[in-house]
């Protein structure tokens, strides 16, 4: 079914776009509101996500579920909005019209740690990095990844386990140096 929706979106079918909007609007709003604790940001992100979907519809991947692509876009829009809010807050401390919660501040403060973790992930062996990205960024199951890469699900599980162990070790070292 996703293939049909994605194909119709790529062709510019507004009826399908409206149906996708209706189907996913509330889910994306809830997801973003839960992450940011800000209805303002959640509303903005939902609108920006669907604008982005329409503008980038020709670049949709037919082999990746539509909801995975939509939530990936929403996540990226959320990150962009949080950064914008941090900048606005920094340069306009008198402004009370934009909610700014502790969770947003914590998200911004953890940005450097995330950059370091991303560098760790980039340094992984190519196959391990690909398996991890397919699992965590694209939301594919071990079975789907195994079929896609012609390897066993157990091999997928081993790759992901090794990445998680390496990241846990890295975080442990970071915590030791911070405290």
Protein backbone atom coordinates (compact mmCIF):
# COMPACT_ATOMS: atom_id res chain seq x y z
CA UNK A 1 0.00 0.00 0.00
CA UNK A 2 2.87 2.41 0.81
CA UNK A 3 4.28 1.92 -2.67
CA UNK A 4 0.98 3.07 -4.18
CA UNK A 5 0.83 6.09 -1.86
CA UNK A 6 4.44 7.03 -2.51
CA UNK A 7 3.99 6.68 -6.28
CA UNK A 8 0.84 8.84 -6.18
CA UNK A 9 2.63 11.46 -4.06
CA UNK A 10 5.56 11.51 -6.43
CA UNK A 11 3.11 12.16 -9.27
CA UNK A 12 1.67 15.14 -7.38
CA UNK A 13 -1.70 13.61 -6.45
CA UNK A 14 -3.28 16.13 -4.07
CA UNK A 15 -6.05 13.75 -3.01
CA UNK A 16 -3.47 11.25 -1.76
CA UNK A 17 -1.48 14.03 -0.10
CA UNK A 18 -4.61 15.17 1.76
CA UNK A 19 -5.32 11.58 2.81
CA UNK A 20 -1.75 11.19 4.11
CA UNK A 21 -2.08 14.50 5.95
CA UNK A 22 -5.33 13.37 7.55
CA UNK A 23 -3.88 10.00 8.51
CA UNK A 24 -0.60 11.21 10.03
CA UNK A 25 -1.28 14.76 11.27
CA UNK A 26 -2.33 13.79 14.81
CA UNK A 27 0.37 11.13 15.17
CA UNK A 28 3.16 13.52 14.22
CA UNK A 29 1.72 16.26 16.45
CA UNK A 30 1.61 13.86 19.43
CA UNK A 31 5.13 12.59 18.74
CA UNK A 32 6.62 16.11 18.59
CA UNK A 33 4.57 17.44 21.50
CA UNK A 34 5.75 14.49 23.61
CA UNK A 35 9.40 15.16 22.71
CA UNK A 36 9.36 18.95 23.15
CA UNK A 37 6.51 19.53 25.60
CA UNK A 38 5.52 22.47 23.42
CA UNK A 39 2.27 22.63 21.46
CA UNK A 40 3.64 25.66 19.58
CA UNK A 41 6.63 23.72 18.28
CA UNK A 42 4.48 20.65 17.59
CA UNK A 43 2.09 22.71 15.44
CA UNK A 44 4.97 24.32 13.56
CA UNK A 45 6.73 21.01 12.98
CA UNK A 46 3.59 19.31 11.66
CA UNK A 47 3.05 22.07 9.12
CA UNK A 48 6.70 22.18 8.10
CA UNK A 49 6.80 18.38 7.79
CA UNK A 50 3.94 18.31 5.32
CA UNK A 51 5.32 21.27 3.40
CA UNK A 52 8.61 19.40 3.16
CA UNK A 53 6.79 16.21 2.13
CA UNK A 54 5.14 18.04 -0.76
CA UNK A 55 8.31 19.87 -1.81
CA UNK A 56 10.48 16.75 -1.61
CA UNK A 57 7.85 14.23 -2.78
CA UNK A 58 9.86 13.26 -5.86
CA UNK A 59 12.73 12.17 -3.61
CA UNK A 60 10.62 9.74 -1.55
CA UNK A 61 12.12 6.27 -1.34
CA UNK A 62 9.80 3.52 -2.49
CA UNK A 63 11.54 0.83 -0.44
CA UNK A 64 11.13 2.69 2.86
CA UNK A 65 7.74 2.85 4.57
CA UNK A 66 6.00 6.21 4.19
CA UNK A 67 5.49 6.62 7.94
CA UNK A 68 9.22 6.08 8.53
CA UNK A 69 10.05 8.79 6.01
CA UNK A 70 7.42 11.15 7.45
CA UNK A 71 8.58 10.73 11.02
CA UNK A 72 12.18 11.18 9.88
CA UNK A 73 11.20 14.48 8.27
CA UNK A 74 9.31 15.47 11.41
CA UNK A 75 12.29 14.65 13.59
CA UNK A 76 14.57 16.79 11.43
CA UNK A 77 12.07 19.66 11.43
CA UNK A 78 11.82 19.36 15.23
CA UNK A 79 15.58 19.66 15.58
CA UNK A 80 15.59 22.71 13.29
CA UNK A 81 12.76 24.35 15.24
CA UNK A 82 14.40 23.71 18.60
CA UNK A 83 17.58 25.34 17.29
CA UNK A 84 15.60 28.32 16.02
CA UNK A 85 13.83 28.67 19.37
CA UNK A 86 17.15 28.55 21.20
CA UNK A 87 18.52 31.29 18.96
CA UNK A 88 15.39 33.42 19.39
CA UNK A 89 15.51 32.99 23.13
CA UNK A 90 19.18 33.90 23.25
CA UNK A 91 18.77 37.11 21.26
CA UNK A 92 15.32 38.06 22.46
CA UNK A 93 15.16 37.25 26.15
CA UNK A 94 12.26 39.68 26.62
CA UNK A 95 9.96 37.53 24.48
CA UNK A 96 7.25 35.59 26.32
CA UNK A 97 5.26 34.49 23.27
CA UNK A 98 7.25 31.30 22.62
CA UNK A 99 7.18 28.51 25.19
CA UNK A 100 10.68 27.47 26.20
CA UNK A 101 10.91 24.54 28.57
CA UNK A 102 13.69 22.85 30.49
CA UNK A 103 13.51 19.87 28.17
CA UNK A 104 14.38 22.11 25.22
CA UNK A 105 17.33 23.56 27.09
CA UNK A 106 18.56 20.05 27.91
CA UNK A 107 18.21 19.09 24.25
CA UNK A 108 20.37 22.02 23.20
CA UNK A 109 22.98 21.32 25.87
CA UNK A 110 23.28 17.72 24.74
CA UNK A 111 24.00 18.80 21.15
CA UNK A 112 27.78 18.51 21.61
CA UNK A 113 27.49 15.02 23.03
CA UNK A 114 25.31 14.04 20.09
CA UNK A 115 27.90 15.41 17.66
CA UNK A 116 30.54 13.23 19.28
CA UNK A 117 28.26 10.19 19.14
CA UNK A 118 27.60 10.87 15.47
CA UNK A 119 31.36 10.96 14.86
CA UNK A 120 31.65 7.60 16.62
CA UNK A 121 28.95 6.21 14.34
CA UNK A 122 30.69 7.60 11.25
CA UNK A 123 33.88 5.81 12.25
CA UNK A 124 32.18 2.40 12.30
CA UNK A 125 33.02 -0.22 9.68
CA UNK A 126 30.80 0.36 6.60
CA UNK A 127 28.60 -2.74 6.97
CA UNK A 128 28.03 -2.21 10.68
CA UNK A 129 27.19 1.44 10.10
CA UNK A 130 24.75 0.55 7.31
CA UNK A 131 22.97 -2.07 9.45
CA UNK A 132 22.72 0.32 12.39
CA UNK A 133 21.38 3.18 10.24
CA UNK A 134 18.80 0.94 8.59
CA UNK A 135 17.65 -0.18 12.03
CA UNK A 136 17.72 3.04 14.01
CA UNK A 137 17.31 5.80 11.43
CA UNK A 138 15.04 4.04 8.95
CA UNK A 139 13.19 1.92 11.51
CA UNK A 140 13.59 -1.36 9.65
CA UNK A 141 13.29 -4.68 11.49
CA UNK A 142 16.16 -7.15 11.73
CA UNK A 143 14.36 -9.40 9.27
CA UNK A 144 13.87 -6.58 6.74
CA UNK A 145 17.54 -5.59 6.98
CA UNK A 146 18.65 -9.21 6.64
CA UNK A 147 16.57 -9.63 3.48
CA UNK A 148 17.76 -6.33 2.04
CA UNK A 149 21.45 -7.10 2.62
CA UNK A 150 21.27 -10.88 2.04
CA UNK A 151 22.57 -11.72 5.50
CA UNK A 152 21.00 -13.61 8.40
CA UNK A 153 18.89 -11.83 11.04
CA UNK A 154 21.39 -13.09 13.63
CA UNK A 155 24.20 -11.27 11.80
CA UNK A 156 22.08 -8.10 11.85
CA UNK A 157 21.52 -8.58 15.58
CA UNK A 158 25.29 -9.06 16.12
CA UNK A 159 26.15 -5.88 14.20
CA UNK A 160 23.63 -3.83 16.16
CA UNK A 161 24.77 -5.34 19.45
CA UNK A 162 28.38 -4.42 18.71
CA UNK A 163 27.43 -0.83 17.82
CA UNK A 164 25.35 -0.45 20.98
CA UNK A 165 28.16 -1.89 23.11
CA UNK A 166 30.64 0.54 21.53
CA UNK A 167 28.29 3.50 22.10
CA UNK A 168 27.66 2.46 25.72
CA UNK A 169 31.42 2.29 26.29
CA UNK A 170 31.84 5.74 24.73
CA UNK A 171 29.07 7.23 26.90
CA UNK A 172 30.63 5.62 29.97
CA UNK A 173 33.96 7.30 29.17
CA UNK A 174 32.23 10.65 28.60
CA UNK A 175 30.50 10.40 31.97
CA UNK A 176 33.77 9.55 33.71
CA UNK A 177 35.45 12.65 32.25
CA UNK A 178 32.50 14.92 32.99
CA UNK A 179 32.14 14.00 36.66
